[in-house]
Amino acid sequence: MAKLRLLGEYREDRAALLVHLATLYAQASVELGDPASTVGLFDRFVSWARVRG
């Protein structure tokens, strides 16, 4: 649900969505601290929003 909402909000500016998601990813990585804890976070935070095709 949240992913669909974000895609709708950033419909006209996918680059801005990716910047927003990358910022959230960076914050989460810092908060988790342990590099092992961040495995898979990029996919969860950022890669799903990339344009496919």
PDB file of N, CA and C in Angstrom:
ATOM      1  N   MET A   1       0.820  -1.191   0.000  1.00  0.00           N
ATOM      2  CA  MET A   1       0.000   0.000   0.000  1.00  0.00           C
ATOM      3  C   MET A   1       0.869   1.263   0.000  1.00  0.00           C
ATOM      4  N   ALA A   2       1.860   1.316   0.859  1.00  0.00           N
ATOM      5  CA  ALA A   2       2.727   2.493   0.942  1.00  0.00           C
ATOM      6  C   ALA A   2       3.510   2.683  -0.360  1.00  0.00           C
ATOM      7  N   LYS A   3       3.952   1.588  -0.951  1.00  0.00           N
ATOM      8  CA  LYS A   3       4.702   1.692  -2.205  1.00  0.00           C
ATOM      9  C   LYS A   3       3.825   2.279  -3.308  1.00  0.00           C
ATOM     10  N   LEU A   4       2.594   1.842  -3.374  1.00  0.00           N
ATOM     11  CA  LEU A   4       1.687   2.372  -4.392  1.00  0.00           C
ATOM     12  C   LEU A   4       1.415   3.856  -4.161  1.00  0.00           C
ATOM     13  N   ARG A   5       1.268   4.244  -2.908  1.00  0.00           N
ATOM     14  CA  ARG A   5       1.042   5.650  -2.591  1.00  0.00           C
ATOM     15  C   ARG A   5       2.233   6.498  -3.021  1.00  0.00           C
ATOM     16  N   LEU A   6       3.438   6.022  -2.719  1.00  0.00           N
ATOM     17  CA  LEU A   6       4.639   6.755  -3.113  1.00  0.00           C
ATOM     18  C   LEU A   6       4.762   6.848  -4.631  1.00  0.00           C
ATOM     19  N   LEU A   7       4.482   5.756  -5.325  1.00  0.00           N
ATOM     20  CA  LEU A   7       4.530   5.785  -6.790  1.00  0.00           C
ATOM     21  C   LEU A   7       3.540   6.798  -7.346  1.00  0.00           C
ATOM     22  N   GLY A   8       2.377   6.897  -6.719  1.00  0.00           N
ATOM     23  CA  GLY A   8       1.388   7.872  -7.147  1.00  0.00           C
ATOM     24  C   GLY A   8       1.834   9.304  -6.877  1.00  0.00           C
ATOM     25  N   GLU A   9       2.381   9.521  -5.691  1.00  0.00           N
ATOM     26  CA  GLU A   9       2.826  10.865  -5.321  1.00  0.00           C
ATOM     27  C   GLU A   9       3.963  11.356  -6.209  1.00  0.00           C
ATOM     28  N   TYR A  10       4.846  10.456  -6.593  1.00  0.00           N
ATOM     29  CA  TYR A  10       6.017  10.818  -7.386  1.00  0.00           C
ATOM     30  C   TYR A  10       5.869  10.390  -8.842  1.00  0.00           C
ATOM     31  N   ARG A  11       4.645  10.255  -9.292  1.00  0.00           N
ATOM     32  CA  ARG A  11       4.343   9.771 -10.650  1.00  0.00           C
ATOM     33  C   ARG A  11       5.121  10.522 -11.723  1.00  0.00           C
ATOM     34  N   GLU A  12       5.231  11.829 -11.555  1.00  0.00           N
ATOM     35  CA  GLU A  12       5.869  12.670 -12.567  1.00  0.00           C
ATOM     36  C   GLU A  12       7.364  12.877 -12.343  1.00  0.00           C
ATOM     37  N   ASP A  13       7.899  12.366 -11.241  1.00  0.00           N
ATOM     38  CA  ASP A  13       9.316  12.618 -10.926  1.00  0.00           C
ATOM     39  C   ASP A  13       9.935  11.414 -10.224  1.00  0.00           C
ATOM     40  N   ARG A  14      10.210  10.390 -10.990  1.00  0.00           N
ATOM     41  CA  ARG A  14      10.766   9.154 -10.432  1.00  0.00           C
ATOM     42  C   ARG A  14      12.132   9.400  -9.806  1.00  0.00           C
ATOM     43  N   ALA A  15      12.912  10.323 -10.358  1.00  0.00           N
ATOM     44  CA  ALA A  15      14.227  10.630  -9.796  1.00  0.00           C
ATOM     45  C   ALA A  15      14.091  11.167  -8.373  1.00  0.00           C
ATOM     46  N   ALA A  16      13.109  12.025  -8.140  1.00  0.00           N
ATOM     47  CA  ALA A  16      12.893  12.568  -6.791  1.00  0.00           C
ATOM     48  C   ALA A  16      12.480  11.455  -5.826  1.00  0.00           C
ATOM     49  N   LEU A  17      11.696  10.507  -6.300  1.00  0.00           N
ATOM     50  CA  LEU A  17      11.316   9.366  -5.462  1.00  0.00           C
ATOM     51  C   LEU A  17      12.552   8.570  -5.068  1.00  0.00           C
ATOM     52  N   LEU A  18      13.433   8.322  -6.028  1.00  0.00           N
ATOM     53  CA  LEU A  18      14.638   7.550  -5.735  1.00  0.00           C
ATOM     54  C   LEU A  18      15.551   8.291  -4.756  1.00  0.00           C
ATOM     55  N   VAL A  19      15.638   9.608  -4.866  1.00  0.00           N
ATOM     56  CA  VAL A  19      16.432  10.392  -3.913  1.00  0.00           C
ATOM     57  C   VAL A  19      15.814  10.287  -2.522  1.00  0.00           C
ATOM     58  N   HIS A  20      14.504  10.418  -2.438  1.00  0.00           N
ATOM     59  CA  HIS A  20      13.802  10.302  -1.161  1.00  0.00           C
ATOM     60  C   HIS A  20      14.051   8.934  -0.520  1.00  0.00           C
ATOM     61  N   LEU A  21      13.901   7.885  -1.309  1.00  0.00           N
ATOM     62  CA  LEU A  21      14.095   6.525  -0.794  1.00  0.00           C
ATOM     63  C   LEU A  21      15.549   6.270  -0.406  1.00  0.00           C
ATOM     64  N   ALA A  22      16.481   6.792  -1.166  1.00  0.00           N
ATOM     65  CA  ALA A  22      17.899   6.621  -0.843  1.00  0.00           C
ATOM     66  C   ALA A  22      18.240   7.330   0.460  1.00  0.00           C
ATOM     67  N   THR A  23      17.618   8.467   0.702  1.00  0.00           N
ATOM     68  CA  THR A  23      17.828   9.186   1.960  1.00  0.00           C
ATOM     69  C   THR A  23      17.310   8.358   3.134  1.00  0.00           C
ATOM     70  N   LEU A  24      16.138   7.788   2.989  1.00  0.00           N
ATOM     71  CA  LEU A  24      15.581   6.935   4.043  1.00  0.00           C
ATOM     72  C   LEU A  24      16.461   5.703   4.268  1.00  0.00           C
ATOM     73  N   TYR A  25      16.959   5.141   3.185  1.00  0.00           N
ATOM     74  CA  TYR A  25      17.858   3.985   3.270  1.00  0.00           C
ATOM     75  C   TYR A  25      19.122   4.343   4.050  1.00  0.00           C
ATOM     76  N   ALA A  26      19.706   5.502   3.753  1.00  0.00           N
ATOM     77  CA  ALA A  26      20.922   5.934   4.442  1.00  0.00           C
ATOM     78  C   ALA A  26      20.659   6.130   5.934  1.00  0.00           C
ATOM     79  N   GLN A  27      19.542   6.735   6.264  1.00  0.00           N
ATOM     80  CA  GLN A  27      19.189   6.932   7.675  1.00  0.00           C
ATOM     81  C   GLN A  27      19.021   5.592   8.391  1.00  0.00           C
ATOM     82  N   ALA A  28      18.336   4.661   7.755  1.00  0.00           N
ATOM     83  CA  ALA A  28      18.127   3.341   8.359  1.00  0.00           C
ATOM     84  C   ALA A  28      19.459   2.623   8.553  1.00  0.00           C
ATOM     85  N   SER A  29      20.353   2.727   7.583  1.00  0.00           N
ATOM     86  CA  SER A  29      21.656   2.078   7.679  1.00  0.00           C
ATOM     87  C   SER A  29      22.450   2.607   8.869  1.00  0.00           C
ATOM     88  N   VAL A  30      22.405   3.921   9.066  1.00  0.00           N
ATOM     89  CA  VAL A  30      23.120   4.537  10.194  1.00  0.00           C
ATOM     90  C   VAL A  30      22.496   4.089  11.511  1.00  0.00           C
ATOM     91  N   GLU A  31      21.188   4.085  11.580  1.00  0.00           N
ATOM     92  CA  GLU A  31      20.508   3.710  12.819  1.00  0.00           C
ATOM     93  C   GLU A  31      20.751   2.254  13.184  1.00  0.00           C
ATOM     94  N   LEU A  32      20.817   1.377  12.191  1.00  0.00           N
ATOM     95  CA  LEU A  32      21.060  -0.034  12.476  1.00  0.00           C
ATOM     96  C   LEU A  32      22.510  -0.271  12.884  1.00  0.00           C
ATOM     97  N   GLY A  33      23.419   0.502  12.307  1.00  0.00           N
ATOM     98  CA  GLY A  33      24.821   0.434  12.699  1.00  0.00           C
ATOM     99  C   GLY A  33      25.586  -0.780  12.214  1.00  0.00           C
ATOM    100  N   ASP A  34      25.078  -1.943  12.415  1.00  0.00           N
ATOM    101  CA  ASP A  34      25.762  -3.183  12.057  1.00  0.00           C
ATOM    102  C   ASP A  34      25.589  -3.456  10.558  1.00  0.00           C
ATOM    103  N   PRO A  35      26.692  -3.495   9.801  1.00  0.00           N
ATOM    104  CA  PRO A  35      26.579  -3.736   8.355  1.00  0.00           C
ATOM    105  C   PRO A  35      25.815  -5.018   8.011  1.00  0.00           C
ATOM    106  N   ALA A  36      25.917  -6.026   8.846  1.00  0.00           N
ATOM    107  CA  ALA A  36      25.197  -7.275   8.583  1.00  0.00           C
ATOM    108  C   ALA A  36      23.686  -7.056   8.657  1.00  0.00           C
ATOM    109  N   SER A  37      23.259  -6.080   9.449  1.00  0.00           N
ATOM    110  CA  SER A  37      21.835  -5.789   9.579  1.00  0.00           C
ATOM    111  C   SER A  37      21.273  -5.081   8.365  1.00  0.00           C
ATOM    112  N   THR A  38      22.147  -4.500   7.572  1.00  0.00           N
ATOM    113  CA  THR A  38      21.676  -3.726   6.421  1.00  0.00           C
ATOM    114  C   THR A  38      21.561  -4.546   5.142  1.00  0.00           C
ATOM    115  N   VAL A  39      21.930  -5.818   5.200  1.00  0.00           N
ATOM    116  CA  VAL A  39      21.819  -6.674   4.024  1.00  0.00           C
ATOM    117  C   VAL A  39      20.357  -6.731   3.592  1.00  0.00           C
ATOM    118  N   GLY A  40      20.124  -6.443   2.342  1.00  0.00           N
ATOM    119  CA  GLY A  40      18.766  -6.474   1.811  1.00  0.00           C
ATOM    120  C   GLY A  40      18.010  -5.167   1.951  1.00  0.00           C
ATOM    121  N   LEU A  41      18.554  -4.217   2.704  1.00  0.00           N
ATOM    122  CA  LEU A  41      17.845  -2.954   2.881  1.00  0.00           C
ATOM    123  C   LEU A  41      17.733  -2.169   1.580  1.00  0.00           C
ATOM    124  N   PHE A  42      18.761  -2.203   0.761  1.00  0.00           N
ATOM    125  CA  PHE A  42      18.705  -1.459  -0.493  1.00  0.00           C
ATOM    126  C   PHE A  42      17.523  -1.922  -1.333  1.00  0.00           C
ATOM    127  N   ASP A  43      17.334  -3.224  -1.411  1.00  0.00           N
ATOM    128  CA  ASP A  43      16.205  -3.748  -2.183  1.00  0.00           C
ATOM    129  C   ASP A  43      14.879  -3.307  -1.579  1.00  0.00           C
ATOM    130  N   ARG A  44      14.794  -3.329  -0.259  1.00  0.00           N
ATOM    131  CA  ARG A  44      13.552  -2.951   0.405  1.00  0.00           C
ATOM    132  C   ARG A  44      13.256  -1.465   0.303  1.00  0.00           C
ATOM    133  N   PHE A  45      14.307  -0.649   0.317  1.00  0.00           N
ATOM    134  CA  PHE A  45      14.110   0.792   0.325  1.00  0.00           C
ATOM    135  C   PHE A  45      14.137   1.425  -1.060  1.00  0.00           C
ATOM    136  N   VAL A  46      14.992   0.955  -1.947  1.00  0.00           N
ATOM    137  CA  VAL A  46      15.253   1.706  -3.173  1.00  0.00           C
ATOM    138  C   VAL A  46      14.955   0.940  -4.455  1.00  0.00           C
ATOM    139  N   SER A  47      15.473  -0.247  -4.597  1.00  0.00           N
ATOM    140  CA  SER A  47      15.465  -0.900  -5.921  1.00  0.00           C
ATOM    141  C   SER A  47      14.071  -1.165  -6.468  1.00  0.00           C
ATOM    142  N   TRP A  48      13.078  -1.332  -5.621  1.00  0.00           N
ATOM    143  CA  TRP A  48      11.722  -1.605  -6.115  1.00  0.00           C
ATOM    144  C   TRP A  48      11.164  -0.435  -6.940  1.00  0.00           C
ATOM    145  N   ALA A  49      11.695   0.776  -6.721  1.00  0.00           N
ATOM    146  CA  ALA A  49      11.143   1.957  -7.390  1.00  0.00           C
ATOM    147  C   ALA A  49      11.846   2.287  -8.710  1.00  0.00           C
ATOM    148  N   ARG A  50      12.895   1.556  -9.046  1.00  0.00           N
ATOM    149  CA  ARG A  50      13.597   1.836 -10.299  1.00  0.00           C
ATOM    150  C   ARG A  50      12.697   1.528 -11.488  1.00  0.00           C
ATOM    151  N   VAL A  51      12.894   2.274 -12.544  1.00  0.00           N
ATOM    152  CA  VAL A  51      12.145   2.029 -13.772  1.00  0.00           C
ATOM    153  C   VAL A  51      12.645   0.731 -14.399  1.00  0.00           C
ATOM    154  N   ARG A  52      11.717  -0.105 -14.737  1.00  0.00           N
ATOM    155  CA  ARG A  52      12.090  -1.383 -15.364  1.00  0.00           C
ATOM    156  C   ARG A  52      11.787  -1.322 -16.842  1.00  0.00           C
ATOM    157  N   GLY A  53      12.605  -2.030 -17.592  1.00  0.00           N
ATOM    158  CA  GLY A  53      12.274  -2.090 -18.998  1.00  0.00           C
ATOM    159  C   GLY A  53      13.380  -2.003 -19.907  1.00  0.00           C
TER     160      GLY A  53
END
